[in-house]
Amino acid sequence: MIILKGANFIMANDKKLVAAITDMEKDFPQWYTDVVKKAELTDYSSVKGCMIIKPHGYAIWERIQRTLDDKFKETGHENVYMPMFIPESLLQKEKDHVEGFAPEVAWVTQGGNNELQERLCVRPTSETLFCDHYKNIIHSYRDLPKLYNQWCSVVRWEKTTRPFLRTMEFLWQEGHTAHATAEESEAETIKMLNIYADFLRDTLAIPVIKGEKTEKERFAGAKSTYTIESLMHDGKALQSGTSHNFGDGFAKAFDIQFTDKDNTLKHVYQTSWGMTTRMIGAIIMVHGDDNGLVLPPRIAPVQIMVVPIQQKKEGVLDKAFELRDRLIKSGFSVKVDDSDKSPGWKFADCEMRGIPLRVEIGPKDMENNQAVLVRRDTHEKTVVSLDELEAKAAELLDTIQHDMLEKARKHRDAHTYTALGWDEFVETINTKPGFVKAMWCGCQECEDKIKEVTGATSRCMPFEQETLSDKCVCCGKPAKKMVYWGRAY
């Protein structure tokens, strides 16, 4: 086995065959847009602010969906589907909830040629629909818990949009559960947050900070909101998944009661939790490079691309498809690029699409009973005997997955700073993109001032608290919590 390092295997002339992308260090937003477009993840639609998710982009979402859906079902959750329209009277039942979503709601006021007697909201989220359903089906403690999830799209009338990160319509899952006790509800909320955190770490190779949102950043109508926060390459934070404990607030608003074991009427306790197509944006911004998308093997729709070299020569294509079939039989997702493009174009296309591992096979390789394996993340080449192909491919894919997580973790840790005083905090936010850990007194006035002066928001109060000092970084009063702060998407 021979390992070749450091060589740029795509010649300049070949790179021109695949459209170049902007240098991420020069213009990160444009780099992101270039990757989304040129990796063929999305396209613009005729509806401003909405995106067309193309096959490569949707295949990534399908992998996310399948993995999460399996995890939800392993923990007893069932999939349901609710209507996409919510009557205005139903939405108005929970005051804080409707006020929180009012600026983003899209309304249907006419059906055919007739004006509707009551406006219909196009769902921005489905709490009210689940509550209305639960009050009709929950009567006894024997009916609990209700562990439901739905996969759907929602609409939020955003002013500024960007593919995957913020669009007027996006895909997601939203879990909605009902429980007999506050303790069960809290346990469910934390359990689902941990499922999200483990999924990002183990499948998307993205490390996260777990914690609780401040009251200001809490989901409208929730008793508490827990979050996982990840850091993008440009130092901005991304809220990557949330889990909300509603307590019995929604149950009281919608009169969801059950007869308990002691024969008394009680209100249920509820949770809600969700993850969206925004995670595709996170994958791009955490792992991508100047050659395009870089996909962790466990989420890549195509894990291995077999590229035949001099494919018109006798036996080369047959051997490429033979290797494909062998690898598929071993459990990998594999394709052969048998297009009439040059090998250099195919290499660049694999790079752009983020395919984790490339297998090159040509006449000389066949003579020597070998293939060349190329890692997407490091461009490292390995010459391996065809007799060891499956074992080496498995080893490399596991290594890629591990190394991508460690690289992302090192980047996050290197861009996490501590600030003890106000001047230090402002300077750090303005000059060092990333997370800033600082103490907070718990007052919204300080939270508002930080956002007004620096543009940073509280990302979370981490579960793993540190006492950096005994004073609030903003006002100097006694501190209550250590908070991660940062500018965010």
Protein backbone atom coordinates (compact mmCIF):
# COMPACT_ATOMS: atom_id res chain seq x y z
CA MET A 1 0.00 0.00 0.00
CA ILE A 2 1.43 3.39 -1.05
CA ILE A 3 0.25 6.76 0.28
CA LEU A 4 0.79 9.91 -1.76
CA LYS A 5 0.39 13.28 -0.05
CA GLY A 6 0.47 16.93 -0.97
CA ALA A 7 -0.04 16.71 -4.73
CA ASN A 8 -2.78 18.76 -6.33
CA PHE A 9 -4.28 16.11 -8.55
CA ILE A 10 -6.50 18.46 -10.60
CA MET A 11 -4.63 20.26 -13.35
CA ALA A 12 -5.46 23.91 -13.95
CA ASN A 13 -6.92 23.23 -17.39
CA ASP A 14 -9.19 20.56 -15.98
CA LYS A 15 -10.37 22.82 -13.16
CA LYS A 16 -11.65 25.25 -15.74
CA LEU A 17 -14.05 22.58 -16.93
CA VAL A 18 -15.97 22.93 -13.66
CA ALA A 19 -17.03 26.48 -12.76
CA ALA A 20 -14.75 28.04 -10.16
CA ILE A 21 -16.08 29.23 -6.83
CA THR A 22 -15.22 32.34 -4.82
CA ASP A 23 -12.41 32.08 -2.27
CA MET A 24 -14.14 31.53 1.07
CA GLU A 25 -11.67 33.74 2.94
CA LYS A 26 -12.31 36.67 0.59
CA ASP A 27 -16.11 36.58 0.44
CA PHE A 28 -17.73 33.90 2.58
CA PRO A 29 -21.37 34.71 1.70
CA GLN A 30 -20.58 34.55 -2.02
CA TRP A 31 -18.58 31.35 -1.50
CA TYR A 32 -21.62 29.83 0.20
CA THR A 33 -23.93 30.85 -2.64
CA ASP A 34 -21.47 29.48 -5.21
CA VAL A 35 -21.29 26.10 -3.47
CA VAL A 36 -25.07 25.83 -3.14
CA LYS A 37 -25.53 26.60 -6.83
CA LYS A 38 -22.56 24.84 -8.42
CA ALA A 39 -22.86 21.70 -6.32
CA GLU A 40 -26.44 21.65 -7.67
CA LEU A 41 -28.11 21.63 -4.27
CA THR A 42 -30.78 24.23 -5.05
CA ASP A 43 -32.07 26.53 -7.75
CA TYR A 44 -33.98 29.79 -7.62
CA SER A 45 -37.76 29.61 -7.92
CA SER A 46 -40.26 32.06 -9.38
CA VAL A 47 -41.44 32.76 -5.83
CA LYS A 48 -39.02 35.17 -4.19
CA GLY A 49 -37.57 33.76 -0.98
CA CYS A 50 -38.40 30.14 -1.81
CA MET A 51 -35.95 27.58 -3.14
CA ILE A 52 -36.09 24.59 -5.44
CA ILE A 53 -34.22 21.74 -3.76
CA LYS A 54 -32.52 19.78 -6.54
CA PRO A 55 -31.89 16.02 -6.42
CA HIS A 56 -28.42 16.23 -4.84
CA GLY A 57 -29.67 18.60 -2.14
CA TYR A 58 -32.83 16.61 -1.52
CA ALA A 59 -30.86 13.36 -1.28
CA ILE A 60 -28.91 14.86 1.62
CA TRP A 61 -32.18 15.84 3.29
CA GLU A 62 -33.51 12.31 2.76
CA ARG A 63 -30.45 10.92 4.57
CA ILE A 64 -31.01 13.37 7.44
CA GLN A 65 -34.70 12.50 7.52
CA ARG A 66 -34.14 8.76 7.46
CA THR A 67 -31.53 8.82 10.21
CA LEU A 68 -33.56 11.04 12.53
CA ASP A 69 -36.79 9.20 11.81
CA ASP A 70 -35.20 5.92 12.86
CA LYS A 71 -33.98 7.52 16.10
CA PHE A 72 -37.43 8.95 16.82
CA LYS A 73 -39.12 5.60 16.26
CA GLU A 74 -36.56 3.83 18.45
CA THR A 75 -37.73 6.09 21.29
CA GLY A 76 -41.41 5.34 20.73
CA HIS A 77 -42.49 8.28 18.57
CA GLU A 78 -45.04 7.90 15.79
CA ASN A 79 -45.41 9.97 12.63
CA VAL A 80 -48.63 11.86 11.95
CA TYR A 81 -49.64 14.67 9.62
CA MET A 82 -51.56 17.83 10.44
CA PRO A 83 -53.26 20.28 8.02
CA MET A 84 -51.19 23.12 6.63
CA PHE A 85 -53.91 25.69 7.43
CA ILE A 86 -54.76 27.00 10.91
CA PRO A 87 -57.98 28.97 11.57
CA GLU A 88 -57.24 32.39 13.06
CA SER A 89 -59.46 31.67 16.08
CA LEU A 90 -57.38 28.58 16.88
CA LEU A 91 -54.10 30.48 16.58
CA GLN A 92 -55.40 33.18 18.95
CA LYS A 93 -55.95 30.77 21.83
CA GLU A 94 -52.37 31.02 23.12
CA LYS A 95 -51.59 34.74 23.41
CA ASP A 96 -47.79 34.61 23.74
CA HIS A 97 -47.55 32.11 20.90
CA VAL A 98 -49.53 34.15 18.40
CA GLU A 99 -47.70 37.36 19.31
CA GLY A 100 -44.37 35.65 18.78
CA PHE A 101 -45.27 34.49 15.27
CA ALA A 102 -47.49 37.35 14.11
CA PRO A 103 -44.81 39.18 12.05
CA GLU A 104 -43.99 36.00 10.08
CA VAL A 105 -47.47 34.63 9.39
CA ALA A 106 -48.84 34.24 5.85
CA TRP A 107 -52.64 34.47 5.63
CA VAL A 108 -55.18 32.97 3.22
CA THR A 109 -58.15 35.33 2.88
CA GLN A 110 -59.88 34.04 -0.23
CA GLY A 111 -60.90 30.63 -1.55
CA GLY A 112 -61.70 30.55 -5.25
CA ASN A 113 -63.83 33.64 -5.89
CA ASN A 114 -65.14 33.87 -2.36
CA GLU A 115 -63.72 35.78 0.58
CA LEU A 116 -63.28 33.51 3.61
CA GLN A 117 -65.37 34.16 6.70
CA GLU A 118 -62.30 33.43 8.82
CA ARG A 119 -58.69 33.92 7.80
CA LEU A 120 -56.51 30.82 7.58
CA CYS A 121 -52.89 30.93 8.66
CA VAL A 122 -50.39 28.93 6.58
CA ARG A 123 -48.66 27.04 9.36
CA PRO A 124 -45.47 28.61 10.69
CA THR A 125 -45.48 25.76 13.24
CA SER A 126 -48.17 23.33 14.41
CA GLU A 127 -48.52 23.63 18.18
CA THR A 128 -52.12 24.87 17.98
CA LEU A 129 -53.17 22.07 15.64
CA PHE A 130 -51.68 19.39 17.88
CA CYS A 131 -53.29 20.96 20.93
CA ASP A 132 -56.69 21.04 19.25
CA HIS A 133 -56.27 17.36 18.35
CA TYR A 134 -54.97 16.33 21.77
CA LYS A 135 -57.98 17.80 23.60
CA ASN A 136 -60.19 15.43 21.57
CA ILE A 137 -58.15 12.24 22.03
CA ILE A 138 -56.68 12.53 25.54
CA HIS A 139 -59.18 11.67 28.29
CA SER A 140 -57.42 9.39 30.73
CA TYR A 141 -53.91 8.77 32.10
CA ARG A 142 -54.10 5.59 30.01
CA ASP A 143 -53.97 7.77 26.86
CA LEU A 144 -50.57 9.18 27.88
CA PRO A 145 -47.93 9.78 26.84
CA LYS A 146 -48.65 10.86 23.28
CA LEU A 147 -45.38 10.80 21.34
CA TYR A 148 -45.99 12.29 17.89
CA ASN A 149 -43.79 13.69 15.13
CA GLN A 150 -44.58 15.11 11.72
CA TRP A 151 -42.46 15.74 8.63
CA CYS A 152 -43.75 18.72 6.67
CA SER A 153 -43.00 22.21 5.36
CA VAL A 154 -43.77 25.47 7.13
CA VAL A 155 -44.01 29.07 5.94
CA ARG A 156 -42.53 32.12 7.65
CA TRP A 157 -42.59 35.43 5.81
CA GLU A 158 -38.89 36.29 5.99
CA LYS A 159 -37.58 39.63 4.73
CA THR A 160 -34.03 38.47 4.03
CA THR A 161 -33.51 34.95 2.70
CA ARG A 162 -30.62 32.64 1.87
CA PRO A 163 -30.84 29.04 0.59
CA PHE A 164 -31.25 26.52 3.42
CA LEU A 165 -30.39 29.04 6.14
CA ARG A 166 -33.49 31.23 5.93
CA THR A 167 -36.26 30.78 3.37
CA MET A 168 -39.97 31.57 3.41
CA GLU A 169 -40.84 27.90 3.08
CA PHE A 170 -38.61 25.19 4.48
CA LEU A 171 -38.78 21.51 5.32
CA TRP A 172 -38.51 20.20 8.85
CA GLN A 173 -39.75 17.77 11.42
CA GLU A 174 -41.66 18.90 14.49
CA GLY A 175 -42.19 16.61 17.41
CA HIS A 176 -45.15 17.21 19.74
CA THR A 177 -45.65 15.17 22.87
CA ALA A 178 -48.06 15.18 25.82
CA HIS A 179 -47.31 13.78 29.28
CA ALA A 180 -48.99 13.24 32.63
CA THR A 181 -46.35 14.99 34.76
CA ALA A 182 -43.97 17.93 34.60
CA GLU A 183 -41.05 15.58 35.29
CA GLU A 184 -41.89 13.40 32.27
CA SER A 185 -42.20 16.48 30.07
CA GLU A 186 -38.81 17.82 31.15
CA ALA A 187 -37.16 14.43 30.65
CA GLU A 188 -38.60 14.23 27.13
CA THR A 189 -37.36 17.72 26.29
CA ILE A 190 -33.79 16.92 27.33
CA LYS A 191 -33.87 13.46 25.71
CA MET A 192 -34.76 14.91 22.31
CA LEU A 193 -32.12 17.62 22.62
CA ASN A 194 -29.53 14.91 23.26
CA ILE A 195 -30.74 12.96 20.22
CA TYR A 196 -30.13 16.07 18.11
CA ALA A 197 -26.71 16.67 19.64
CA ASP A 198 -25.64 13.06 19.10
CA PHE A 199 -26.91 13.19 15.51
CA LEU A 200 -24.87 16.27 14.71
CA ARG A 201 -21.76 14.83 16.31
CA ASP A 202 -21.96 11.24 15.09
CA THR A 203 -23.57 11.70 11.66
CA LEU A 204 -22.92 15.28 10.50
CA ALA A 205 -19.49 15.52 12.21
CA ILE A 206 -20.51 18.85 13.78
CA PRO A 207 -19.69 19.51 17.45
CA VAL A 208 -22.27 21.51 19.41
CA ILE A 209 -22.76 23.45 22.62
CA LYS A 210 -25.83 22.30 24.55
CA GLY A 211 -27.71 24.68 26.79
CA GLU A 212 -30.81 26.70 27.60
CA LYS A 213 -32.01 29.81 25.81
CA THR A 214 -32.54 33.01 27.78
CA GLU A 215 -36.10 34.17 28.35
CA LYS A 216 -35.76 36.68 25.51
CA GLU A 217 -34.69 33.97 23.04
CA ARG A 218 -37.21 31.40 24.29
CA PHE A 219 -39.78 29.93 21.89
CA ALA A 220 -43.08 31.84 22.03
CA GLY A 221 -45.29 30.22 24.68
CA ALA A 222 -42.65 27.86 26.06
CA LYS A 223 -41.68 27.45 29.70
CA SER A 224 -38.10 26.72 28.66
CA THR A 225 -36.21 26.27 25.39
CA TYR A 226 -33.08 24.15 25.04
CA THR A 227 -30.74 24.46 22.08
CA ILE A 228 -27.69 23.06 20.37
CA GLU A 229 -25.41 25.74 18.91
CA SER A 230 -22.74 25.11 16.30
CA LEU A 231 -20.02 27.36 14.89
CA MET A 232 -19.59 27.94 11.17
CA HIS A 233 -16.26 28.44 9.39
CA ASP A 234 -16.71 32.23 9.31
CA GLY A 235 -17.15 32.41 13.08
CA LYS A 236 -20.93 32.89 13.09
CA ALA A 237 -23.15 30.71 15.23
CA LEU A 238 -26.03 28.62 13.93
CA GLN A 239 -28.93 27.41 16.05
CA SER A 240 -28.97 23.81 14.92
CA GLY A 241 -31.87 22.27 16.82
CA THR A 242 -34.24 23.24 19.62
CA SER A 243 -36.35 21.39 22.17
CA HIS A 244 -39.10 23.19 24.09
CA ASN A 245 -40.80 22.37 27.37
CA PHE A 246 -44.26 23.96 27.31
CA GLY A 247 -45.21 22.97 30.82
CA ASP A 248 -49.02 23.05 31.06
CA GLY A 249 -49.45 26.50 29.47
CA PHE A 250 -50.76 25.29 26.12
CA ALA A 251 -52.88 22.64 27.85
CA LYS A 252 -54.65 25.31 29.91
CA ALA A 253 -55.19 27.53 26.87
CA PHE A 254 -56.67 24.63 24.89
CA ASP A 255 -58.30 22.82 27.82
CA ILE A 256 -56.40 19.55 27.37
CA GLN A 257 -57.34 17.56 30.49
CA PHE A 258 -57.23 13.95 31.57
CA THR A 259 -58.51 11.91 34.47
CA ASP A 260 -55.52 10.77 36.50
CA LYS A 261 -55.13 7.60 38.57
CA ASP A 262 -56.48 9.42 41.62
CA ASN A 263 -59.69 10.20 39.67
CA THR A 264 -58.98 13.94 39.48
CA LEU A 265 -58.85 16.11 36.35
CA LYS A 266 -55.41 17.41 35.43
CA HIS A 267 -53.85 19.29 32.53
CA VAL A 268 -51.21 17.56 30.44
CA TYR A 269 -47.62 18.77 30.09
CA GLN A 270 -46.26 19.18 26.57
CA THR A 271 -43.06 19.41 24.56
CA SER A 272 -42.11 20.40 21.04
CA TRP A 273 -38.82 19.96 19.19
CA GLY A 274 -37.59 20.43 15.63
CA MET A 275 -34.77 20.28 13.10
CA THR A 276 -34.84 21.68 9.56
CA THR A 277 -33.21 21.77 6.14
CA ARG A 278 -31.05 24.50 7.70
CA MET A 279 -28.73 21.64 8.65
CA ILE A 280 -27.68 21.29 5.02
CA GLY A 281 -26.46 24.87 5.26
CA ALA A 282 -24.57 23.92 8.42
CA ILE A 283 -22.84 21.02 6.65
CA ILE A 284 -21.75 23.38 3.88
CA MET A 285 -20.44 26.09 6.21
CA VAL A 286 -18.70 23.81 8.71
CA HIS A 287 -17.00 21.41 6.29
CA GLY A 288 -16.83 23.06 2.85
CA ASP A 289 -13.65 24.38 1.24
CA ASP A 290 -12.55 26.29 -1.82
CA ASN A 291 -13.15 23.25 -4.02
CA GLY A 292 -16.80 23.02 -2.96
CA LEU A 293 -18.88 20.80 -0.73
CA VAL A 294 -17.32 18.31 1.71
CA LEU A 295 -19.79 15.71 2.97
CA PRO A 296 -19.28 13.50 6.03
CA PRO A 297 -19.48 9.87 4.86
CA ARG A 298 -22.43 9.02 7.12
CA ILE A 299 -24.67 11.63 5.50
CA ALA A 300 -23.35 11.53 1.92
CA PRO A 301 -25.92 10.16 -0.57
CA VAL A 302 -22.97 8.85 -2.62
CA GLN A 303 -20.09 7.76 -0.42
CA ILE A 304 -17.81 6.50 -3.18
CA MET A 305 -17.48 7.51 -6.83
CA VAL A 306 -15.64 5.11 -9.12
CA VAL A 307 -13.87 7.01 -11.91
CA PRO A 308 -12.61 4.91 -14.84
CA ILE A 309 -9.41 6.22 -16.42
CA GLN A 310 -9.09 5.77 -20.22
CA GLN A 311 -12.51 4.20 -20.07
CA LYS A 312 -12.64 3.52 -23.82
CA LYS A 313 -9.90 0.95 -23.48
CA GLU A 314 -11.11 -2.61 -23.33
CA GLY A 315 -12.23 -3.85 -19.93
CA VAL A 316 -11.90 -0.57 -18.02
CA LEU A 317 -15.61 0.23 -17.76
CA ASP A 318 -16.43 -3.37 -16.96
CA LYS A 319 -13.88 -3.32 -14.15
CA ALA A 320 -15.28 -0.02 -12.82
CA PHE A 321 -18.79 -1.46 -12.60
CA GLU A 322 -17.43 -4.65 -11.08
CA LEU A 323 -15.80 -2.60 -8.32
CA ARG A 324 -19.02 -0.67 -7.85
CA ASP A 325 -21.01 -3.87 -7.40
CA ARG A 326 -18.46 -5.22 -4.92
CA LEU A 327 -18.58 -2.04 -2.85
CA ILE A 328 -22.39 -1.87 -2.92
CA LYS A 329 -22.52 -5.48 -1.75
CA SER A 330 -20.36 -4.43 1.21
CA GLY A 331 -22.91 -1.81 2.19
CA PHE A 332 -21.54 1.37 0.61
CA SER A 333 -23.45 3.88 -1.53
CA VAL A 334 -21.54 3.89 -4.82
CA LYS A 335 -21.78 5.26 -8.35
CA VAL A 336 -19.63 5.08 -11.48
CA ASP A 337 -18.95 8.25 -13.47
CA ASP A 338 -19.06 6.78 -16.96
CA SER A 339 -19.75 10.14 -18.66
CA ASP A 340 -17.65 11.15 -21.66
CA LYS A 341 -15.96 13.96 -19.69
CA SER A 342 -12.20 14.00 -19.07
CA PRO A 343 -10.88 12.44 -15.86
CA GLY A 344 -9.85 15.91 -14.64
CA TRP A 345 -13.41 17.19 -15.07
CA LYS A 346 -14.76 14.17 -13.20
CA PHE A 347 -12.31 14.71 -10.35
CA ALA A 348 -13.32 18.37 -10.04
CA ASP A 349 -17.01 17.44 -10.18
CA CYS A 350 -16.53 14.89 -7.36
CA GLU A 351 -14.81 17.61 -5.36
CA MET A 352 -17.59 20.12 -5.93
CA ARG A 353 -20.28 17.63 -4.91
CA GLY A 354 -18.41 16.61 -1.77
CA ILE A 355 -18.24 12.87 -2.43
CA PRO A 356 -16.11 11.52 0.45
CA LEU A 357 -14.04 8.94 -1.45
CA ARG A 358 -13.00 8.53 -5.06
CA VAL A 359 -11.78 5.26 -6.58
CA GLU A 360 -9.67 5.63 -9.74
CA ILE A 361 -9.17 2.58 -11.96
CA GLY A 362 -7.35 2.48 -15.29
CA PRO A 363 -5.47 0.02 -17.53
CA LYS A 364 -2.22 0.22 -15.53
CA ASP A 365 -4.12 -0.22 -12.28
CA MET A 366 -5.81 -3.30 -13.68
CA GLU A 367 -2.45 -4.75 -14.71
CA ASN A 368 -1.16 -4.25 -11.17
CA ASN A 369 -4.40 -5.42 -9.50
CA GLN A 370 -4.74 -2.07 -7.74
CA ALA A 371 -6.84 1.10 -7.52
CA VAL A 372 -6.15 4.62 -6.32
CA LEU A 373 -8.35 5.88 -3.46
CA VAL A 374 -8.58 9.66 -2.96
CA ARG A 375 -10.01 11.33 0.14
CA ARG A 376 -12.20 14.38 -0.43
CA ASP A 377 -11.33 16.04 2.88
CA THR A 378 -7.51 15.96 2.61
CA HIS A 379 -6.96 14.99 -1.08
CA GLU A 380 -4.68 12.22 0.17
CA LYS A 381 -4.17 9.40 -2.33
CA THR A 382 -3.74 5.76 -1.37
CA VAL A 383 -2.77 2.98 -3.78
CA VAL A 384 -4.43 -0.21 -2.60
CA SER A 385 -4.63 -3.79 -3.83
CA LEU A 386 -8.03 -4.68 -5.29
CA ASP A 387 -8.05 -7.64 -2.91
CA GLU A 388 -8.20 -5.13 -0.01
CA LEU A 389 -10.56 -2.64 -1.63
CA GLU A 390 -13.62 -3.11 0.58
CA ALA A 391 -11.64 -3.18 3.83
CA LYS A 392 -9.57 -0.13 2.90
CA ALA A 393 -12.63 1.81 1.75
CA ALA A 394 -14.36 1.13 5.08
CA GLU A 395 -11.26 2.16 7.00
CA LEU A 396 -10.85 5.40 5.04
CA LEU A 397 -14.50 6.39 5.34
CA ASP A 398 -14.38 5.89 9.11
CA THR A 399 -11.18 7.92 9.26
CA ILE A 400 -12.70 10.72 7.18
CA GLN A 401 -15.75 10.86 9.45
CA HIS A 402 -13.56 11.02 12.55
CA ASP A 403 -11.13 13.56 11.12
CA MET A 404 -13.89 15.89 9.92
CA LEU A 405 -15.40 15.99 13.42
CA GLU A 406 -12.01 16.65 15.01
CA LYS A 407 -11.22 19.40 12.51
CA ALA A 408 -14.56 21.08 13.22
CA ARG A 409 -14.04 20.73 16.97
CA LYS A 410 -10.56 22.25 16.80
CA HIS A 411 -11.90 25.14 14.72
CA ARG A 412 -14.69 25.78 17.23
CA ASP A 413 -12.37 25.62 20.23
CA ALA A 414 -9.79 27.88 18.54
CA HIS A 415 -12.54 30.42 17.92
CA THR A 416 -14.07 30.36 21.40
CA TYR A 417 -12.92 33.26 23.56
CA THR A 418 -13.41 34.51 27.11
CA ALA A 419 -14.19 38.10 28.08
CA LEU A 420 -14.30 39.37 31.66
CA GLY A 421 -14.99 43.08 31.14
CA TRP A 422 -17.11 45.21 28.81
CA ASP A 423 -14.30 46.71 26.72
CA GLU A 424 -12.69 43.31 26.27
CA PHE A 425 -16.05 41.82 25.30
CA VAL A 426 -16.81 44.47 22.65
CA GLU A 427 -13.30 44.27 21.20
CA THR A 428 -13.43 40.46 21.04
CA ILE A 429 -16.83 40.41 19.33
CA ASN A 430 -15.68 43.03 16.80
CA THR A 431 -12.25 41.56 16.01
CA LYS A 432 -12.45 37.80 16.64
CA PRO A 433 -15.36 36.00 14.96
CA GLY A 434 -16.56 33.08 17.05
CA PHE A 435 -18.14 32.29 20.41
CA VAL A 436 -17.42 34.59 23.37
CA LYS A 437 -17.98 33.21 26.84
CA ALA A 438 -18.95 35.86 29.37
CA MET A 439 -20.88 36.21 32.62
CA TRP A 440 -24.40 37.68 32.71
CA CYS A 441 -26.59 39.07 35.47
CA GLY A 442 -29.81 37.69 33.97
CA CYS A 443 -31.32 41.08 33.08
CA GLN A 444 -32.76 41.57 29.60
CA GLU A 445 -31.52 45.18 29.63
CA CYS A 446 -27.93 43.90 29.44
CA GLU A 447 -28.86 41.36 26.78
CA ASP A 448 -30.48 44.10 24.70
CA LYS A 449 -27.47 46.42 25.12
CA ILE A 450 -25.07 43.72 23.99
CA LYS A 451 -27.10 43.14 20.84
CA GLU A 452 -27.48 46.87 20.16
CA VAL A 453 -23.77 47.66 20.57
CA THR A 454 -22.15 44.54 19.09
CA GLY A 455 -24.80 42.74 17.02
CA ALA A 456 -24.18 39.62 19.13
CA THR A 457 -26.95 37.63 20.78
CA SER A 458 -27.02 35.14 23.61
CA ARG A 459 -26.64 31.75 22.00
CA CYS A 460 -27.22 29.68 25.13
CA MET A 461 -26.58 29.25 28.83
CA PRO A 462 -24.55 26.03 28.58
CA PHE A 463 -25.37 23.07 30.77
CA GLU A 464 -21.65 22.92 31.63
CA GLN A 465 -21.36 26.18 33.55
CA GLU A 466 -18.08 27.93 34.34
CA THR A 467 -17.52 30.77 36.81
CA LEU A 468 -15.35 33.14 34.81
CA SER A 469 -15.90 35.98 37.29
CA ASP A 470 -18.55 37.10 39.75
CA LYS A 471 -19.67 40.13 37.69
CA CYS A 472 -21.88 40.64 34.64
CA VAL A 473 -19.75 41.54 31.61
CA CYS A 474 -22.17 44.33 30.72
CA CYS A 475 -23.30 46.08 33.91
CA GLY A 476 -20.87 44.79 36.54
CA LYS A 477 -23.64 43.58 38.85
CA PRO A 478 -23.50 40.08 40.40
CA ALA A 479 -23.50 37.42 37.68
CA LYS A 480 -25.93 34.52 37.56
CA LYS A 481 -24.97 32.58 34.44
CA MET A 482 -22.11 32.05 32.05
CA VAL A 483 -23.41 32.58 28.51
CA TYR A 484 -22.11 31.85 25.02
CA TRP A 485 -22.51 35.01 22.90
CA GLY A 486 -21.97 35.44 19.19
CA ARG A 487 -23.21 36.83 15.93
CA ALA A 488 -25.46 34.33 14.27
CA TYR A 489 -27.27 33.30 11.12
